[in-house]
Amino acid sequence: MEIILTSAYIVFFLFLISKLAFFKVDELSKKMIAAIFVLKISSGFVMFLLYTYYYTDRNTADIFKYFDDGKVILAVLFENPSHYLQLIFGINTEASHLQGYLENTNHWFKPNEKNVYNDTRTIIRFNAIVGLFSLGYYQVHNVVINFLSLAGLLAIYKAFLPFLRDKSMELAVGVFLIPSVVFWGSGVLKEGILILGLGLTIFHGFKLVGDVKNWKNLAWLIVGVFLIALSKLYVLFALIPAYLGYILVAKTSTKFLVAKYVAVLSMFLVFGLILGKLHPEKDFLLRIDQKQRDFIGLADSLQPGSLLKLNRLEPTIASFAVNGPAALRNVALRPHIFEATSAIVLLAAIE
């Protein structure tokens, strides 16, 4: 039954790709877009096999642990629809009458998380919503998340295409076919929702900066920002100054382009430091420091083979300045080929 239902949804989404105007791009045929969709579904299936037969602890596999918690939330619907809706929309979730349901989940609460919003609940809620029509079959969730992330990637492609008309194929490779994006962006993970949010935000944000100022673009921009905030709030904080820098350049000229971006980033840095002094609980340096501690705490509890040892941050400008170059080096160049301890780390090192 899972094969039949999954195949039906694949056919349905391929039909949408063939008919919806959003998927019409002169530089990419709809057959190419459909092929990318199938590639993403296949990659998601490979991830499913990997976490089923190689990394066999279901309770530590992100694709399964949030899927299983989503089933717990979905079951609330059949007990009390009102309580299900409260959990889905985040209404009154601290109320005692909902705690009994949440005690049956394993990952709704994160013991190492000190930040305001627990973003793992986003993917749990996604699974609880898709479960309404998936009949509990994981591969249906795989198809749905990949259709959403495909739409996000296509929106990113369309947003940057006007700047790179003469390099449209290189742009397509860069957006759709980077191996880590194909793999990690194709699982039943919050990255798929994040990619959709990024696509909506960038595409409709560029439209609003240009000449297409209408309520639809504004509405989709708000949806995109909301999805990013729900998935990975710190990505939104990284995106905002870059977007404002783009607005400044678009509304003036490309003269002194680097200086304009540096000025916007410096303004945000100063604003963030002042805000942190006035309201210590909103100190962004402290938040980043706490986020690193959260990840280190998670790594210490799981002892993954892909762990890279990093210097511990302190919530000071000096600490961030000293560790900044190493952070950029780690993002761009690590893991090194000689740090590869497994097949997945080796692929990351090659990339």
Foldseek 3Di string as FASTA:
>chain_A
DLVVVLVVVLVVLLVCLVPPPLNDDPVADSVNLNVLLVLLLVLQVVLVVCCVPPVNPQCPRLLRLLLVLLVLLLVVCVVPVVLSVCLLVVNPCVDPVNVVSVVPHDVPDAPLDDDDADLSSVLSSVSNVQCVPSVSRSSNLLSVLSSLLSSLLSLVLVLCCVVPVVCSVVSCCVRRPDPVCSNVCRHSALNSLLSNLNSLQRNLLSCCLDDNDDVVSVVSNVVSLVSNCSNPVVVSVVVVLVSVLVSVCSVPHCVVSVVSSVVSVVVVVVVLVVVCVVPVVSNVLVVVLSVVSSVVVVCVVVVDLLDDDDDRADSDPVRCVVCVVVVVCCVPQPPACVSDPDPVRNSVNVD
